[in-house]
Amino acid sequence: MRELILGGVRSGKSRYAEQLANQSDQQVVYIATACAADDSEMARRIAAHRERRPPHWQTIEAPLELPEAITEHCSAGTTVLVDCLTLWLSNLLSGPDMANTDHAQIVDGTCCLPPTAIQRRIDALVQATEQSRGTLLLVSNETGFGVMPINALARRFCDEAGALHQALAGRCERVTLMVAGMPLKVKEHPGE
């Protein structure tokens, strides 16, 4: 079973996914995509997420290698919780390791991968999702409810996130939208 859990910042999407993972009675693998680099506020957010997780959950850090981590860890009898897709996409677009790749380009003064490289990574994620076994919970920020961003990189991020969400929603049995801590079922596979 695959579920895409979308919502705005502080909508309760991570806590909801964690509750689902806890209720699964399966081994849980938590794939974290956040990286703090030199951002102390992000480091505090990461620490808060770590403190909430049960100690018996296995944590895999995959700020860029998300498709590979899903392929490796999402098997029958396992619940894999990915938190979150939009941070992974941010890392691809402008993460700290982008300056060290030969495919990087500069957009609005920020080093990022070109659209073809981003699309290859998205395609790999969609394929890993399709081939996953067990339970896969994908957490992501819904970016389509806000105003049109003012700069090219932010618009590109929203476009890429929207396309990624559409591709994954088509392949997941469930899609849930979190609003004020409340789960709204957008898609539920017949018979569940």
C-alpha atoms as a PDB file:
ATOM      1  CA  MET A   1       0.000   0.000   0.000  1.00  0.00           C
ATOM      2  CA  ARG A   2       1.287   3.426  -0.973  1.00  0.00           C
ATOM      3  CA  GLU A   3      -0.036   6.662   0.521  1.00  0.00           C
ATOM      4  CA  LEU A   4       0.825  10.234  -0.432  1.00  0.00           C
ATOM      5  CA  ILE A   5       0.241  12.616   2.489  1.00  0.00           C
ATOM      6  CA  LEU A   6       0.114  16.273   1.457  1.00  0.00           C
ATOM      7  CA  GLY A   7      -0.390  19.429   3.457  1.00  0.00           C
ATOM      8  CA  GLY A   8       0.893  22.870   4.202  1.00  0.00           C
ATOM      9  CA  VAL A   9       3.584  23.738   6.715  1.00  0.00           C
ATOM     10  CA  ARG A  10       2.490  22.685  10.231  1.00  0.00           C
ATOM     11  CA  SER A  11      -0.639  20.960   8.886  1.00  0.00           C
ATOM     12  CA  GLY A  12       0.081  17.781  10.878  1.00  0.00           C
ATOM     13  CA  LYS A  13       1.222  15.656   7.938  1.00  0.00           C
ATOM     14  CA  SER A  14       4.369  14.283   9.616  1.00  0.00           C
ATOM     15  CA  ARG A  15       2.561  13.417  12.850  1.00  0.00           C
ATOM     16  CA  TYR A  16      -0.225  11.730  10.876  1.00  0.00           C
ATOM     17  CA  ALA A  17       2.284   9.651   8.912  1.00  0.00           C
ATOM     18  CA  GLU A  18       4.068   8.729  12.149  1.00  0.00           C
ATOM     19  CA  GLN A  19       0.750   7.583  13.656  1.00  0.00           C
ATOM     20  CA  LEU A  20       0.071   5.406  10.603  1.00  0.00           C
ATOM     21  CA  ALA A  21       3.556   3.911  10.855  1.00  0.00           C
ATOM     22  CA  ASN A  22       3.081   3.194  14.575  1.00  0.00           C
ATOM     23  CA  GLN A  23      -0.272   1.507  13.900  1.00  0.00           C
ATOM     24  CA  SER A  24       1.168  -0.708  11.161  1.00  0.00           C
ATOM     25  CA  ASP A  25       2.649  -3.273  13.580  1.00  0.00           C
ATOM     26  CA  GLN A  26       5.496  -3.667  11.089  1.00  0.00           C
ATOM     27  CA  GLN A  27       9.169  -2.838  11.164  1.00  0.00           C
ATOM     28  CA  VAL A  28       9.410   0.909  10.435  1.00  0.00           C
ATOM     29  CA  VAL A  29      12.114   2.522   8.347  1.00  0.00           C
ATOM     30  CA  TYR A  30      12.098   6.323   8.456  1.00  0.00           C
ATOM     31  CA  ILE A  31      13.789   7.924   5.448  1.00  0.00           C
ATOM     32  CA  ALA A  32      14.761  11.497   6.291  1.00  0.00           C
ATOM     33  CA  THR A  33      15.531  13.907   3.452  1.00  0.00           C
ATOM     34  CA  ALA A  34      16.328  17.031   5.474  1.00  0.00           C
ATOM     35  CA  CYS A  35      19.856  18.319   5.860  1.00  0.00           C
ATOM     36  CA  ALA A  36      20.709  21.237   8.096  1.00  0.00           C
ATOM     37  CA  ALA A  37      24.035  22.361   6.564  1.00  0.00           C
ATOM     38  CA  ASP A  38      24.633  25.732   8.260  1.00  0.00           C
ATOM     39  CA  ASP A  39      20.974  26.326   9.152  1.00  0.00           C
ATOM     40  CA  SER A  40      20.478  26.217  12.937  1.00  0.00           C
ATOM     41  CA  GLU A  41      16.704  26.578  12.665  1.00  0.00           C
ATOM     42  CA  MET A  42      16.517  23.533  10.363  1.00  0.00           C
ATOM     43  CA  ALA A  43      18.797  21.642  12.756  1.00  0.00           C
ATOM     44  CA  ARG A  44      16.250  22.305  15.538  1.00  0.00           C
ATOM     45  CA  ARG A  45      13.415  21.029  13.329  1.00  0.00           C
ATOM     46  CA  ILE A  46      15.374  17.870  12.530  1.00  0.00           C
ATOM     47  CA  ALA A  47      16.102  17.318  16.233  1.00  0.00           C
ATOM     48  CA  ALA A  48      12.394  17.690  17.101  1.00  0.00           C
ATOM     49  CA  HIS A  49      11.483  15.075  14.483  1.00  0.00           C
ATOM     50  CA  ARG A  50      14.161  12.714  15.813  1.00  0.00           C
ATOM     51  CA  GLU A  51      12.878  13.068  19.388  1.00  0.00           C
ATOM     52  CA  ARG A  52       9.343  12.105  18.307  1.00  0.00           C
ATOM     53  CA  ARG A  53      10.429   8.877  16.614  1.00  0.00           C
ATOM     54  CA  PRO A  54      10.406   5.644  18.606  1.00  0.00           C
ATOM     55  CA  PRO A  55      13.946   4.384  19.244  1.00  0.00           C
ATOM     56  CA  HIS A  56      13.286   1.056  17.509  1.00  0.00           C
ATOM     57  CA  TRP A  57      12.588   2.739  14.156  1.00  0.00           C
ATOM     58  CA  GLN A  58      15.480   2.539  11.715  1.00  0.00           C
ATOM     59  CA  THR A  59      16.438   5.955  10.324  1.00  0.00           C
ATOM     60  CA  ILE A  60      18.041   6.355   6.903  1.00  0.00           C
ATOM     61  CA  GLU A  61      19.269   9.768   5.828  1.00  0.00           C
ATOM     62  CA  ALA A  62      18.799  10.242   2.089  1.00  0.00           C
ATOM     63  CA  PRO A  63      18.894  13.925   1.166  1.00  0.00           C
ATOM     64  CA  LEU A  64      19.589  13.063  -2.501  1.00  0.00           C
ATOM     65  CA  GLU A  65      19.451   9.249  -2.848  1.00  0.00           C
ATOM     66  CA  LEU A  66      15.753   8.841  -2.060  1.00  0.00           C
ATOM     67  CA  PRO A  67      14.791   6.491  -4.925  1.00  0.00           C
ATOM     68  CA  GLU A  68      17.658   4.176  -3.997  1.00  0.00           C
ATOM     69  CA  ALA A  69      16.694   4.217  -0.299  1.00  0.00           C
ATOM     70  CA  ILE A  70      13.069   3.328  -1.094  1.00  0.00           C
ATOM     71  CA  THR A  71      14.184   0.504  -3.378  1.00  0.00           C
ATOM     72  CA  GLU A  72      16.517  -0.869  -0.729  1.00  0.00           C
ATOM     73  CA  HIS A  73      14.218  -0.648   2.301  1.00  0.00           C
ATOM     74  CA  CYS A  74      10.590  -0.881   1.136  1.00  0.00           C
ATOM     75  CA  SER A  75       9.827  -4.598   1.262  1.00  0.00           C
ATOM     76  CA  ALA A  76       6.961  -6.832   2.405  1.00  0.00           C
ATOM     77  CA  GLY A  77       6.392  -6.586   6.144  1.00  0.00           C
ATOM     78  CA  THR A  78       7.997  -3.156   6.367  1.00  0.00           C
ATOM     79  CA  THR A  79       6.520   0.318   6.640  1.00  0.00           C
ATOM     80  CA  VAL A  80       8.701   2.993   5.065  1.00  0.00           C
ATOM     81  CA  LEU A  81       7.932   6.599   5.972  1.00  0.00           C
ATOM     82  CA  VAL A  82       9.563   9.256   3.769  1.00  0.00           C
ATOM     83  CA  ASP A  83       9.657  12.746   5.259  1.00  0.00           C
ATOM     84  CA  CYS A  84       9.639  14.720   3.075  1.00  0.00           C
ATOM     85  CA  LEU A  85       9.513  14.862  -0.717  1.00  0.00           C
ATOM     86  CA  THR A  86       9.634  18.648  -0.996  1.00  0.00           C
ATOM     87  CA  LEU A  87      12.817  18.805   1.080  1.00  0.00           C
ATOM     88  CA  TRP A  88      14.309  16.178  -1.254  1.00  0.00           C
ATOM     89  CA  LEU A  89      13.267  18.280  -4.230  1.00  0.00           C
ATOM     90  CA  SER A  90      14.762  21.388  -2.581  1.00  0.00           C
ATOM     91  CA  ASN A  91      18.022  19.488  -2.109  1.00  0.00           C
ATOM     92  CA  LEU A  92      18.041  18.585  -5.802  1.00  0.00           C
ATOM     93  CA  LEU A  93      17.285  22.135  -6.851  1.00  0.00           C
ATOM     94  CA  SER A  94      19.628  23.983  -4.535  1.00  0.00           C
ATOM     95  CA  GLY A  95      21.082  21.693  -1.892  1.00  0.00           C
ATOM     96  CA  PRO A  96      24.536  22.025  -0.380  1.00  0.00           C
ATOM     97  CA  ASP A  97      26.038  19.285  -2.585  1.00  0.00           C
ATOM     98  CA  MET A  98      24.829  20.744  -5.884  1.00  0.00           C
ATOM     99  CA  ALA A  99      27.926  22.897  -6.350  1.00  0.00           C
ATOM    100  CA  ASN A 100      30.029  19.709  -6.425  1.00  0.00           C
ATOM    101  CA  THR A 101      28.237  18.171  -9.422  1.00  0.00           C
ATOM    102  CA  ASP A 102      29.321  18.671 -13.018  1.00  0.00           C
ATOM    103  CA  HIS A 103      25.695  19.062 -14.127  1.00  0.00           C
ATOM    104  CA  ALA A 104      24.894  22.040 -11.905  1.00  0.00           C
ATOM    105  CA  GLN A 105      23.717  25.361 -13.297  1.00  0.00           C
ATOM    106  CA  ILE A 106      23.063  28.764 -11.733  1.00  0.00           C
ATOM    107  CA  VAL A 107      19.436  29.967 -11.452  1.00  0.00           C
ATOM    108  CA  ASP A 108      18.745  33.213  -9.564  1.00  0.00           C
ATOM    109  CA  GLY A 109      22.246  33.002  -8.079  1.00  0.00           C
ATOM    110  CA  THR A 110      21.657  29.477  -6.747  1.00  0.00           C
ATOM    111  CA  CYS A 111      23.457  26.361  -7.915  1.00  0.00           C
ATOM    112  CA  CYS A 112      21.017  23.628  -9.000  1.00  0.00           C
ATOM    113  CA  LEU A 113      20.593  20.666 -11.313  1.00  0.00           C
ATOM    114  CA  PRO A 114      19.269  21.298 -14.833  1.00  0.00           C
ATOM    115  CA  PRO A 115      15.659  20.278 -15.615  1.00  0.00           C
ATOM    116  CA  THR A 116      16.695  17.063 -17.399  1.00  0.00           C
ATOM    117  CA  ALA A 117      18.672  15.849 -14.382  1.00  0.00           C
ATOM    118  CA  ILE A 118      15.804  16.723 -12.025  1.00  0.00           C
ATOM    119  CA  GLN A 119      13.399  14.818 -14.283  1.00  0.00           C
ATOM    120  CA  ARG A 120      15.647  11.735 -14.222  1.00  0.00           C
ATOM    121  CA  ARG A 121      15.623  11.774 -10.397  1.00  0.00           C
ATOM    122  CA  ILE A 122      11.840  12.273 -10.306  1.00  0.00           C
ATOM    123  CA  ASP A 123      11.387   9.403 -12.786  1.00  0.00           C
ATOM    124  CA  ALA A 124      13.589   7.219 -10.570  1.00  0.00           C
ATOM    125  CA  LEU A 125      11.466   8.119  -7.526  1.00  0.00           C
ATOM    126  CA  VAL A 126       8.219   7.351  -9.355  1.00  0.00           C
ATOM    127  CA  GLN A 127       9.642   4.008 -10.494  1.00  0.00           C
ATOM    128  CA  ALA A 128      10.832   3.149  -6.964  1.00  0.00           C
ATOM    129  CA  THR A 129       7.349   4.011  -5.672  1.00  0.00           C
ATOM    130  CA  GLU A 130       5.669   1.808  -8.290  1.00  0.00           C
ATOM    131  CA  GLN A 131       7.944  -1.120  -7.463  1.00  0.00           C
ATOM    132  CA  SER A 132       7.738  -0.737  -3.673  1.00  0.00           C
ATOM    133  CA  ARG A 133       6.447  -3.580  -1.532  1.00  0.00           C
ATOM    134  CA  GLY A 134       5.100  -3.307   1.960  1.00  0.00           C
ATOM    135  CA  THR A 135       3.717   0.033   3.106  1.00  0.00           C
ATOM    136  CA  LEU A 136       5.117   3.302   1.756  1.00  0.00           C
ATOM    137  CA  LEU A 137       4.089   6.608   3.338  1.00  0.00           C
ATOM    138  CA  LEU A 138       5.238   9.667   1.378  1.00  0.00           C
ATOM    139  CA  VAL A 139       4.988  13.047   3.139  1.00  0.00           C
ATOM    140  CA  SER A 140       5.167  16.259   1.117  1.00  0.00           C
ATOM    141  CA  ASN A 141       4.255  19.944   1.284  1.00  0.00           C
ATOM    142  CA  GLU A 142       1.412  21.042  -0.965  1.00  0.00           C
ATOM    143  CA  THR A 143       2.758  24.192  -2.604  1.00  0.00           C
ATOM    144  CA  GLY A 144      -0.117  24.910  -4.979  1.00  0.00           C
ATOM    145  CA  PHE A 145      -2.319  26.866  -2.581  1.00  0.00           C
ATOM    146  CA  GLY A 146      -0.126  29.980  -2.317  1.00  0.00           C
ATOM    147  CA  VAL A 147       0.650  32.955  -4.464  1.00  0.00           C
ATOM    148  CA  MET A 148       2.799  32.675  -7.586  1.00  0.00           C
ATOM    149  CA  PRO A 149       6.417  33.009  -6.410  1.00  0.00           C
ATOM    150  CA  ILE A 150       8.323  36.104  -7.494  1.00  0.00           C
ATOM    151  CA  ASN A 151      11.569  34.454  -8.640  1.00  0.00           C
ATOM    152  CA  ALA A 152      12.396  31.824 -11.244  1.00  0.00           C
ATOM    153  CA  LEU A 153      13.860  29.240  -8.855  1.00  0.00           C
ATOM    154  CA  ALA A 154      10.808  29.360  -6.551  1.00  0.00           C
ATOM    155  CA  ARG A 155       8.449  29.045  -9.541  1.00  0.00           C
ATOM    156  CA  ARG A 156      10.487  26.098 -10.808  1.00  0.00           C
ATOM    157  CA  PHE A 157      10.275  24.460  -7.370  1.00  0.00           C
ATOM    158  CA  CYS A 158       6.463  24.822  -7.317  1.00  0.00           C
ATOM    159  CA  ASP A 159       6.203  23.465 -10.865  1.00  0.00           C
ATOM    160  CA  GLU A 160       8.431  20.478 -10.061  1.00  0.00           C
ATOM    161  CA  ALA A 161       6.597  19.755  -6.786  1.00  0.00           C
ATOM    162  CA  GLY A 162       3.209  19.906  -8.501  1.00  0.00           C
ATOM    163  CA  ALA A 163       4.324  17.541 -11.268  1.00  0.00           C
ATOM    164  CA  LEU A 164       5.885  15.168  -8.719  1.00  0.00           C
ATOM    165  CA  HIS A 165       2.710  15.103  -6.611  1.00  0.00           C
ATOM    166  CA  GLN A 166       0.532  14.410  -9.652  1.00  0.00           C
ATOM    167  CA  ALA A 167       2.765  11.561 -10.793  1.00  0.00           C
ATOM    168  CA  LEU A 168       2.850   9.974  -7.331  1.00  0.00           C
ATOM    169  CA  ALA A 169      -0.876  10.486  -6.646  1.00  0.00           C
ATOM    170  CA  GLY A 170      -1.608   8.461  -9.759  1.00  0.00           C
ATOM    171  CA  ARG A 171       0.477   5.577  -8.428  1.00  0.00           C
ATOM    172  CA  CYS A 172      -0.573   5.615  -4.779  1.00  0.00           C
ATOM    173  CA  GLU A 173      -3.625   3.753  -3.512  1.00  0.00           C
ATOM    174  CA  ARG A 174      -4.303   6.545  -1.028  1.00  0.00           C
ATOM    175  CA  VAL A 175      -3.859  10.310  -1.110  1.00  0.00           C
ATOM    176  CA  THR A 176      -4.545  12.289   2.065  1.00  0.00           C
ATOM    177  CA  LEU A 177      -4.606  16.068   2.430  1.00  0.00           C
ATOM    178  CA  MET A 178      -3.890  17.367   5.931  1.00  0.00           C
ATOM    179  CA  VAL A 179      -5.670  20.552   7.018  1.00  0.00           C
ATOM    180  CA  ALA A 180      -5.313  21.860  10.600  1.00  0.00           C
ATOM    181  CA  GLY A 181      -4.264  18.418  11.800  1.00  0.00           C
ATOM    182  CA  MET A 182      -7.258  16.729  10.179  1.00  0.00           C
ATOM    183  CA  PRO A 183      -6.830  14.117   7.431  1.00  0.00           C
ATOM    184  CA  LEU A 184      -9.037  14.587   4.380  1.00  0.00           C
ATOM    185  CA  LYS A 185      -9.140  11.525   2.124  1.00  0.00           C
ATOM    186  CA  VAL A 186      -8.612  12.669  -1.461  1.00  0.00           C
ATOM    187  CA  LYS A 187      -8.185   9.194  -2.930  1.00  0.00           C
ATOM    188  CA  GLU A 188      -8.810   5.816  -1.408  1.00  0.00           C
ATOM    189  CA  HIS A 189      -8.410   2.550  -3.269  1.00  0.00           C
ATOM    190  CA  PRO A 190     -11.788   0.772  -3.614  1.00  0.00           C
ATOM    191  CA  GLY A 191     -12.304  -1.869  -0.950  1.00  0.00           C
ATOM    192  CA  GLU A 192     -10.160  -0.236   1.748  1.00  0.00           C
END
